[in-house]
PDB file of N, CA and C in Angstrom:
ATOM      1  N   MET A   1     258.223 165.604  96.962  1.00  0.00           N
ATOM      2  CA  MET A   1     257.111 165.732  97.888  1.00  0.00           C
ATOM      3  C   MET A   1     256.200 164.513  97.726  1.00  0.00           C
ATOM      4  N   LYS A   2     255.782 163.967  98.830  1.00  0.00           N
ATOM      5  CA  LYS A   2     254.868 162.840  98.805  1.00  0.00           C
ATOM      6  C   LYS A   2     253.479 163.330  98.409  1.00  0.00           C
ATOM      7  N   THR A   3     252.733 162.465  97.792  1.00  0.00           N
ATOM      8  CA  THR A   3     251.361 162.803  97.444  1.00  0.00           C
ATOM      9  C   THR A   3     250.415 162.281  98.514  1.00  0.00           C
ATOM     10  N   ALA A   4     249.226 162.820  98.506  1.00  0.00           N
ATOM     11  CA  ALA A   4     248.185 162.391  99.436  1.00  0.00           C
ATOM     12  C   ALA A   4     246.928 162.115  98.625  1.00  0.00           C
ATOM     13  N   THR A   5     245.953 161.515  99.270  1.00  0.00           N
ATOM     14  CA  THR A   5     244.696 161.230  98.585  1.00  0.00           C
ATOM     15  C   THR A   5     243.550 161.920  99.301  1.00  0.00           C
ATOM     16  N   PHE A   6     242.483 162.138  98.557  1.00  0.00           N
ATOM     17  CA  PHE A   6     241.249 162.623  99.155  1.00  0.00           C
ATOM     18  C   PHE A   6     240.450 161.419  99.624  1.00  0.00           C
ATOM     19  N   PRO A   7     239.565 161.635 100.578  1.00  0.00           N
ATOM     20  CA  PRO A   7     238.731 160.511 101.019  1.00  0.00           C
ATOM     21  C   PRO A   7     237.834 160.037  99.865  1.00  0.00           C
ATOM     22  N   PRO A   8     237.459 158.770  99.886  1.00  0.00           N
ATOM     23  CA  PRO A   8     236.546 158.271  98.854  1.00  0.00           C
ATOM     24  C   PRO A   8     235.250 159.083  98.866  1.00  0.00           C
ATOM     25  N   LEU A   9     234.695 159.261  97.708  1.00  0.00           N
ATOM     26  CA  LEU A   9     233.484 160.055  97.569  1.00  0.00           C
ATOM     27  C   LEU A   9     232.343 159.146  97.127  1.00  0.00           C
ATOM     28  N   ARG A  10     231.365 158.999  97.968  1.00  0.00           N
ATOM     29  CA  ARG A  10     230.212 158.160  97.627  1.00  0.00           C
ATOM     30  C   ARG A  10     229.169 159.011  96.918  1.00  0.00           C
ATOM     31  N   VAL A  11     228.746 158.549  95.747  1.00  0.00           N
ATOM     32  CA  VAL A  11     227.729 159.256  94.960  1.00  0.00           C
ATOM     33  C   VAL A  11     226.739 158.242  94.412  1.00  0.00           C
ATOM     34  N   THR A  12     225.629 158.750  93.940  1.00  0.00           N
ATOM     35  CA  THR A  12     224.650 157.858  93.315  1.00  0.00           C
ATOM     36  C   THR A  12     225.192 157.421  91.954  1.00  0.00           C
ATOM     37  N   PRO A  13     224.733 156.292  91.472  1.00  0.00           N
ATOM     38  CA  PRO A  13     225.161 155.855  90.141  1.00  0.00           C
ATOM     39  C   PRO A  13     224.828 156.894  89.054  1.00  0.00           C
ATOM     40  N   GLU A  14     223.696 157.569  89.212  1.00  0.00           N
ATOM     41  CA  GLU A  14     223.297 158.571  88.219  1.00  0.00           C
ATOM     42  C   GLU A  14     224.270 159.753  88.210  1.00  0.00           C
ATOM     43  N   PHE A  15     224.727 160.151  89.382  1.00  0.00           N
ATOM     44  CA  PHE A  15     225.667 161.265  89.470  1.00  0.00           C
ATOM     45  C   PHE A  15     227.002 160.881  88.836  1.00  0.00           C
ATOM     46  N   ARG A  16     227.458 159.672  89.099  1.00  0.00           N
ATOM     47  CA  ARG A  16     228.702 159.207  88.479  1.00  0.00           C
ATOM     48  C   ARG A  16     228.567 159.156  86.967  1.00  0.00           C
ATOM     49  N   GLU A  17     227.449 158.646  86.482  1.00  0.00           N
ATOM     50  CA  GLU A  17     227.215 158.580  85.037  1.00  0.00           C
ATOM     51  C   GLU A  17     227.208 159.975  84.420  1.00  0.00           C
ATOM     52  N   ALA A  18     226.614 160.930  85.114  1.00  0.00           N
ATOM     53  CA  ALA A  18     226.584 162.306  84.610  1.00  0.00           C
ATOM     54  C   ALA A  18     227.989 162.879  84.513  1.00  0.00           C
ATOM     55  N   ALA A  19     228.828 162.608  85.510  1.00  0.00           N
ATOM     56  CA  ALA A  19     230.211 163.076  85.485  1.00  0.00           C
ATOM     57  C   ALA A  19     230.981 162.407  84.357  1.00  0.00           C
ATOM     58  N   GLU A  20     230.812 161.125  84.204  1.00  0.00           N
ATOM     59  CA  GLU A  20     231.512 160.401  83.142  1.00  0.00           C
ATOM     60  C   GLU A  20     231.068 160.864  81.755  1.00  0.00           C
ATOM     61  N   ALA A  21     229.817 161.279  81.639  1.00  0.00           N
ATOM     62  CA  ALA A  21     229.285 161.706  80.348  1.00  0.00           C
ATOM     63  C   ALA A  21     229.900 163.009  79.849  1.00  0.00           C
ATOM     64  N   VAL A  22     230.451 163.801  80.751  1.00  0.00           N
ATOM     65  CA  VAL A  22     231.023 165.086  80.335  1.00  0.00           C
ATOM     66  C   VAL A  22     232.549 165.066  80.265  1.00  0.00           C
ATOM     67  N   LEU A  23     233.146 163.912  80.487  1.00  0.00           N
ATOM     68  CA  LEU A  23     234.604 163.822  80.401  1.00  0.00           C
ATOM     69  C   LEU A  23     235.055 164.099  78.970  1.00  0.00           C
ATOM     70  N   GLN A  24     236.160 164.831  78.874  1.00  0.00           N
ATOM     71  CA  GLN A  24     236.724 165.106  77.559  1.00  0.00           C
ATOM     72  C   GLN A  24     237.634 163.961  77.156  1.00  0.00           C
ATOM     73  N   GLU A  25     238.013 163.937  75.892  1.00  0.00           N
ATOM     74  CA  GLU A  25     238.855 162.855  75.387  1.00  0.00           C
ATOM     75  C   GLU A  25     240.155 162.769  76.178  1.00  0.00           C
ATOM     76  N   GLY A  26     240.468 161.592  76.642  1.00  0.00           N
ATOM     77  CA  GLY A  26     241.691 161.361  77.397  1.00  0.00           C
ATOM     78  C   GLY A  26     241.621 161.773  78.859  1.00  0.00           C
ATOM     79  N   GLU A  27     240.488 162.287  79.289  1.00  0.00           N
ATOM     80  CA  GLU A  27     240.342 162.741  80.674  1.00  0.00           C
ATOM     81  C   GLU A  27     239.784 161.607  81.527  1.00  0.00           C
ATOM     82  N   SER A  28     240.357 161.432  82.691  1.00  0.00           N
ATOM     83  CA  SER A  28     239.858 160.404  83.606  1.00  0.00           C
ATOM     84  C   SER A  28     238.925 161.051  84.627  1.00  0.00           C
ATOM     85  N   LEU A  29     238.151 160.214  85.265  1.00  0.00           N
ATOM     86  CA  LEU A  29     237.265 160.706  86.314  1.00  0.00           C
ATOM     87  C   LEU A  29     238.086 161.306  87.453  1.00  0.00           C
ATOM     88  N   SER A  30     239.225 160.700  87.762  1.00  0.00           N
ATOM     89  CA  SER A  30     240.098 161.237  88.813  1.00  0.00           C
ATOM     90  C   SER A  30     240.628 162.616  88.454  1.00  0.00           C
ATOM     91  N   SER A  31     241.079 162.799  87.215  1.00  0.00           N
ATOM     92  CA  SER A  31     241.608 164.111  86.821  1.00  0.00           C
ATOM     93  C   SER A  31     240.492 165.150  86.792  1.00  0.00           C
ATOM     94  N   PHE A  32     239.289 164.725  86.406  1.00  0.00           N
ATOM     95  CA  PHE A  32     238.134 165.633  86.416  1.00  0.00           C
ATOM     96  C   PHE A  32     237.846 166.096  87.847  1.00  0.00           C
ATOM     97  N   CYS A  33     237.850 165.157  88.783  1.00  0.00           N
ATOM     98  CA  CYS A  33     237.601 165.512  90.189  1.00  0.00           C
ATOM     99  C   CYS A  33     238.700 166.418  90.725  1.00  0.00           C
ATOM    100  N   GLU A  34     239.952 166.120  90.399  1.00  0.00           N
ATOM    101  CA  GLU A  34     241.058 166.950  90.868  1.00  0.00           C
ATOM    102  C   GLU A  34     240.938 168.370  90.324  1.00  0.00           C
ATOM    103  N   GLU A  35     240.653 168.506  89.045  1.00  0.00           N
ATOM    104  CA  GLU A  35     240.516 169.838  88.454  1.00  0.00           C
ATOM    105  C   GLU A  35     239.337 170.595  89.073  1.00  0.00           C
ATOM    106  N   SER A  36     238.257 169.899  89.343  1.00  0.00           N
ATOM    107  CA  SER A  36     237.102 170.528  89.985  1.00  0.00           C
ATOM    108  C   SER A  36     237.471 171.069  91.361  1.00  0.00           C
ATOM    109  N   ILE A  37     238.222 170.294  92.115  1.00  0.00           N
ATOM    110  CA  ILE A  37     238.654 170.733  93.452  1.00  0.00           C
ATOM    111  C   ILE A  37     239.577 171.933  93.332  1.00  0.00           C
ATOM    112  N   ARG A  38     240.532 171.882  92.386  1.00  0.00           N
ATOM    113  CA  ARG A  38     241.453 173.008  92.183  1.00  0.00           C
ATOM    114  C   ARG A  38     240.688 174.296  91.853  1.00  0.00           C
ATOM    115  N   GLN A  39     239.718 174.183  90.954  1.00  0.00           N
ATOM    116  CA  GLN A  39     238.942 175.356  90.560  1.00  0.00           C
ATOM    117  C   GLN A  39     238.134 175.909  91.725  1.00  0.00           C
ATOM    118  N   ASN A  40     237.583 175.048  92.544  1.00  0.00           N
ATOM    119  CA  ASN A  40     236.815 175.510  93.696  1.00  0.00           C
ATOM    120  C   ASN A  40     237.706 176.155  94.750  1.00  0.00           C
ATOM    121  N   ILE A  41     238.908 175.631  94.931  1.00  0.00           N
ATOM    122  CA  ILE A  41     239.851 176.258  95.860  1.00  0.00           C
ATOM    123  C   ILE A  41     240.180 177.664  95.383  1.00  0.00           C
ATOM    124  N   ALA A  42     240.478 177.803  94.092  1.00  0.00           N
ATOM    125  CA  ALA A  42     240.804 179.123  93.530  1.00  0.00           C
ATOM    126  C   ALA A  42     239.629 180.073  93.670  1.00  0.00           C
ATOM    127  N   ARG A  43     238.421 179.593  93.364  1.00  0.00           N
ATOM    128  CA  ARG A  43     237.225 180.438  93.451  1.00  0.00           C
ATOM    129  C   ARG A  43     236.983 180.900  94.884  1.00  0.00           C
ATOM    130  N   ARG A  44     237.139 180.017  95.826  1.00  0.00           N
ATOM    131  CA  ARG A  44     236.906 180.385  97.231  1.00  0.00           C
ATOM    132  C   ARG A  44     237.968 181.348  97.748  1.00  0.00           C
ATOM    133  N   ARG A  45     239.206 181.190  97.284  1.00  0.00           N
ATOM    134  CA  ARG A  45     240.247 182.156  97.661  1.00  0.00           C
ATOM    135  C   ARG A  45     239.910 183.539  97.112  1.00  0.00           C
ATOM    136  N   LEU A  46     239.522 183.587  95.836  1.00  0.00           N
ATOM    137  CA  LEU A  46     239.148 184.870  95.229  1.00  0.00           C
ATOM    138  C   LEU A  46     237.945 185.478  95.943  1.00  0.00           C
ATOM    139  N   GLN A  47     236.994 184.646  96.292  1.00  0.00           N
ATOM    140  CA  GLN A  47     235.814 185.120  97.006  1.00  0.00           C
ATOM    141  C   GLN A  47     236.203 185.700  98.363  1.00  0.00           C
ATOM    142  N   GLY A  48     237.104 185.040  99.061  1.00  0.00           N
ATOM    143  CA  GLY A  48     237.572 185.539 100.358  1.00  0.00           C
ATOM    144  C   GLY A  48     238.290 186.871 100.222  1.00  0.00           C
ATOM    145  N   GLU A  49     239.124 186.999  99.172  1.00  0.00           N
ATOM    146  CA  GLU A  49     239.824 188.259  98.926  1.00  0.00           C
ATOM    147  C   GLU A  49     238.840 189.378  98.587  1.00  0.00           C
ATOM    148  N   PHE A  50     237.815 189.052  97.803  1.00  0.00           N
ATOM    149  CA  PHE A  50     236.789 190.031  97.435  1.00  0.00           C
ATOM    150  C   PHE A  50     236.059 190.536  98.677  1.00  0.00           C
ATOM    151  N   ILE A  51     235.696 189.619  99.547  1.00  0.00           N
ATOM    152  CA  ILE A  51     234.994 189.997 100.781  1.00  0.00           C
ATOM    153  C   ILE A  51     235.902 190.842 101.665  1.00  0.00           C
ATOM    154  N   ALA A  52     237.166 190.467 101.754  1.00  0.00           N
ATOM    155  CA  ALA A  52     238.115 191.250 102.568  1.00  0.00           C
ATOM    156  C   ALA A  52     238.248 192.669 102.037  1.00  0.00           C
ATOM    157  N   ARG A  53     238.317 192.825 100.699  1.00  0.00           N
ATOM    158  CA  ARG A  53     238.400 194.168 100.117  1.00  0.00           C
ATOM    159  C   ARG A  53     237.132 194.967 100.413  1.00  0.00           C
ATOM    160  N   GLY A  54     235.985 194.314 100.330  1.00  0.00           N
ATOM    161  CA  GLY A  54     234.728 194.987 100.625  1.00  0.00           C
ATOM    162  C   GLY A  54     234.647 195.445 102.070  1.00  0.00           C
ATOM    163  N   LEU A  55     235.070 194.594 102.981  1.00  0.00           N
ATOM    164  CA  LEU A  55     235.051 194.968 104.397  1.00  0.00           C
ATOM    165  C   LEU A  55     236.038 196.090 104.686  1.00  0.00           C
ATOM    166  N   ALA A  56     237.206 196.054 104.036  1.00  0.00           N
ATOM    167  CA  ALA A  56     238.190 197.129 104.216  1.00  0.00           C
ATOM    168  C   ALA A  56     237.642 198.442 103.681  1.00  0.00           C
ATOM    169  N   SER A  57     236.951 198.379 102.551  1.00  0.00           N
ATOM    170  CA  SER A  57     236.348 199.574 101.973  1.00  0.00           C
ATOM    171  C   SER A  57     235.265 200.136 102.895  1.00  0.00           C
ATOM    172  N   ARG A  58     234.469 199.250 103.450  1.00  0.00           N
ATOM    173  CA  ARG A  58     233.440 199.669 104.400  1.00  0.00           C
ATOM    174  C   ARG A  58     234.065 200.365 105.605  1.00  0.00           C
ATOM    175  N   ASP A  59     235.120 199.759 106.139  1.00  0.00           N
ATOM    176  CA  ASP A  59     235.787 200.345 107.304  1.00  0.00           C
ATOM    177  C   ASP A  59     236.387 201.703 106.976  1.00  0.00           C
ATOM    178  N   GLN A  60     236.973 201.813 105.785  1.00  0.00           N
ATOM    179  CA  GLN A  60     237.556 203.101 105.378  1.00  0.00           C
ATOM    180  C   GLN A  60     236.471 204.170 105.248  1.00  0.00           C
ATOM    181  N   ALA A  61     235.340 203.801 104.688  1.00  0.00           N
ATOM    182  CA  ALA A  61     234.234 204.753 104.554  1.00  0.00           C
ATOM    183  C   ALA A  61     233.744 205.192 105.932  1.00  0.00           C
ATOM    184  N   ARG A  62     233.647 204.261 106.861  1.00  0.00           N
ATOM    185  CA  ARG A  62     233.219 204.612 108.219  1.00  0.00           C
ATOM    186  C   ARG A  62     234.231 205.550 108.885  1.00  0.00           C
ATOM    187  N   ASP A  63     235.507 205.249 108.688  1.00  0.00           N
ATOM    188  CA  ASP A  63     236.561 206.055 109.315  1.00  0.00           C
ATOM    189  C   ASP A  63     236.620 207.468 108.752  1.00  0.00           C
ATOM    190  N   THR A  64     236.437 207.591 107.433  1.00  0.00           N
ATOM    191  CA  THR A  64     236.567 208.900 106.778  1.00  0.00           C
ATOM    192  C   THR A  64     235.241 209.633 106.661  1.00  0.00           C
ATOM    193  N   GLY A  65     234.144 208.896 106.751  1.00  0.00           N
ATOM    194  CA  GLY A  65     232.831 209.508 106.560  1.00  0.00           C
ATOM    195  C   GLY A  65     232.521 209.774 105.087  1.00  0.00           C
ATOM    196  N   ARG A  66     233.368 209.275 104.193  1.00  0.00           N
ATOM    197  CA  ARG A  66     233.162 209.479 102.762  1.00  0.00           C
ATOM    198  C   ARG A  66     232.530 208.224 102.163  1.00  0.00           C
ATOM    199  N   TYR A  67     231.351 208.399 101.626  1.00  0.00           N
ATOM    200  CA  TYR A  67     230.621 207.304 101.003  1.00  0.00           C
ATOM    201  C   TYR A  67     230.304 207.669  99.563  1.00  0.00           C
ATOM    202  N   VAL A  68     230.120 206.673  98.725  1.00  0.00           N
ATOM    203  CA  VAL A  68     229.698 206.874  97.346  1.00  0.00           C
ATOM    204  C   VAL A  68     228.298 206.290  97.228  1.00  0.00           C
ATOM    205  N   GLY A  69     227.380 207.079  96.705  1.00  0.00           N
ATOM    206  CA  GLY A  69     226.004 206.624  96.579  1.00  0.00           C
ATOM    207  C   GLY A  69     225.844 205.536  95.541  1.00  0.00           C
ATOM    208  N   ALA A  70     224.816 204.723  95.710  1.00  0.00           N
ATOM    209  CA  ALA A  70     224.561 203.610  94.792  1.00  0.00           C
ATOM    210  C   ALA A  70     224.334 204.103  93.371  1.00  0.00           C
ATOM    211  N   ASP A  71     223.629 205.229  93.209  1.00  0.00           N
ATOM    212  CA  ASP A  71     223.371 205.754  91.867  1.00  0.00           C
ATOM    213  C   ASP A  71     224.676 206.089  91.148  1.00  0.00           C
ATOM    214  N   ALA A  72     225.618 206.667  91.853  1.00  0.00           N
ATOM    215  CA  ALA A  72     226.911 207.019  91.256  1.00  0.00           C
ATOM    216  C   ALA A  72     227.680 205.759  90.858  1.00  0.00           C
ATOM    217  N   VAL A  73     227.612 204.745  91.683  1.00  0.00           N
ATOM    218  CA  VAL A  73     228.308 203.499  91.385  1.00  0.00           C
ATOM    219  C   VAL A  73     227.704 202.839  90.151  1.00  0.00           C
ATOM    220  N   VAL A  74     226.381 202.762  90.108  1.00  0.00           N
ATOM    221  CA  VAL A  74     225.707 202.132  88.969  1.00  0.00           C
ATOM    222  C   VAL A  74     226.008 202.912  87.686  1.00  0.00           C
ATOM    223  N   GLU A  75     225.995 204.221  87.758  1.00  0.00           N
ATOM    224  CA  GLU A  75     226.300 205.041  86.582  1.00  0.00           C
ATOM    225  C   GLU A  75     227.718 204.761  86.075  1.00  0.00           C
ATOM    226  N   ARG A  76     228.658 204.681  86.984  1.00  0.00           N
ATOM    227  CA  ARG A  76     230.042 204.410  86.589  1.00  0.00           C
ATOM    228  C   ARG A  76     230.179 203.013  85.988  1.00  0.00           C
ATOM    229  N   LEU A  77     229.505 202.042  86.573  1.00  0.00           N
ATOM    230  CA  LEU A  77     229.549 200.680  86.031  1.00  0.00           C
ATOM    231  C   LEU A  77     228.925 200.612  84.642  1.00  0.00           C
ATOM    232  N   GLU A  78     227.835 201.342  84.439  1.00  0.00           N
ATOM    233  CA  GLU A  78     227.187 201.374  83.120  1.00  0.00           C
ATOM    234  C   GLU A  78     228.115 201.984  82.080  1.00  0.00           C
ATOM    235  N   LYS A  79     228.853 203.018  82.447  1.00  0.00           N
ATOM    236  CA  LYS A  79     229.821 203.637  81.532  1.00  0.00           C
ATOM    237  C   LYS A  79     230.939 202.661  81.208  1.00  0.00           C
ATOM    238  N   MET A  80     231.418 201.949  82.212  1.00  0.00           N
ATOM    239  CA  MET A  80     232.480 200.959  81.992  1.00  0.00           C
ATOM    240  C   MET A  80     231.999 199.853  81.062  1.00  0.00           C
ATOM    241  N   LEU A  81     230.766 199.412  81.240  1.00  0.00           N
ATOM    242  CA  LEU A  81     230.189 198.375  80.397  1.00  0.00           C
ATOM    243  C   LEU A  81     230.046 198.860  78.961  1.00  0.00           C
ATOM    244  N   ALA A  82     229.559 200.084  78.799  1.00  0.00           N
ATOM    245  CA  ALA A  82     229.408 200.651  77.452  1.00  0.00           C
ATOM    246  C   ALA A  82     230.760 200.754  76.758  1.00  0.00           C
ATOM    247  N   THR A  83     231.773 201.175  77.500  1.00  0.00           N
ATOM    248  CA  THR A  83     233.119 201.284  76.927  1.00  0.00           C
ATOM    249  C   THR A  83     233.635 199.905  76.517  1.00  0.00           C
ATOM    250  N   ALA A  84     233.414 198.914  77.365  1.00  0.00           N
ATOM    251  CA  ALA A  84     233.875 197.553  77.074  1.00  0.00           C
ATOM    252  C   ALA A  84     233.166 196.981  75.856  1.00  0.00           C
ATOM    253  N   LYS A  85     231.915 197.372  75.644  1.00  0.00           N
ATOM    254  CA  LYS A  85     231.157 196.896  74.493  1.00  0.00           C
ATOM    255  C   LYS A  85     231.468 197.694  73.245  1.00  0.00           C
ATOM    256  N   GLY A  86     232.273 198.733  73.384  1.00  0.00           N
ATOM    257  CA  GLY A  86     232.648 199.551  72.226  1.00  0.00           C
ATOM    258  C   GLY A  86     231.759 200.755  72.024  1.00  0.00           C
ATOM    259  N   GLY A  87     230.897 201.035  72.990  1.00  0.00           N
ATOM    260  CA  GLY A  87     230.035 202.212  72.911  1.00  0.00           C
ATOM    261  C   GLY A  87     230.722 203.421  73.480  1.00  0.00           C
ATOM    262  N   LYS A  88     229.965 204.485  73.632  1.00  0.00           N
ATOM    263  CA  LYS A  88     230.528 205.731  74.181  1.00  0.00           C
ATOM    264  C   LYS A  88     230.111 205.909  75.612  1.00  0.00           C
TER     265      LYS A  88
END
């Protein structure tokens, strides 16, 4: 497969210096930018899936008339958090 390039990115000298300052050993500015783009693509895909699940849940609640109150949701989340922390 052939490779492609991203368009050049114009930034201030200070922004470039800040990016270069956080590079890890052996990491290039190009690899840092590529990894940043990859992570943002993954995050946006997950965000889109999350929103789709929320909208589907909303539609199902409207169709069935079955809703869960906010207090019940918060209580369940608090129990899950306590369990994850090793509490009861």
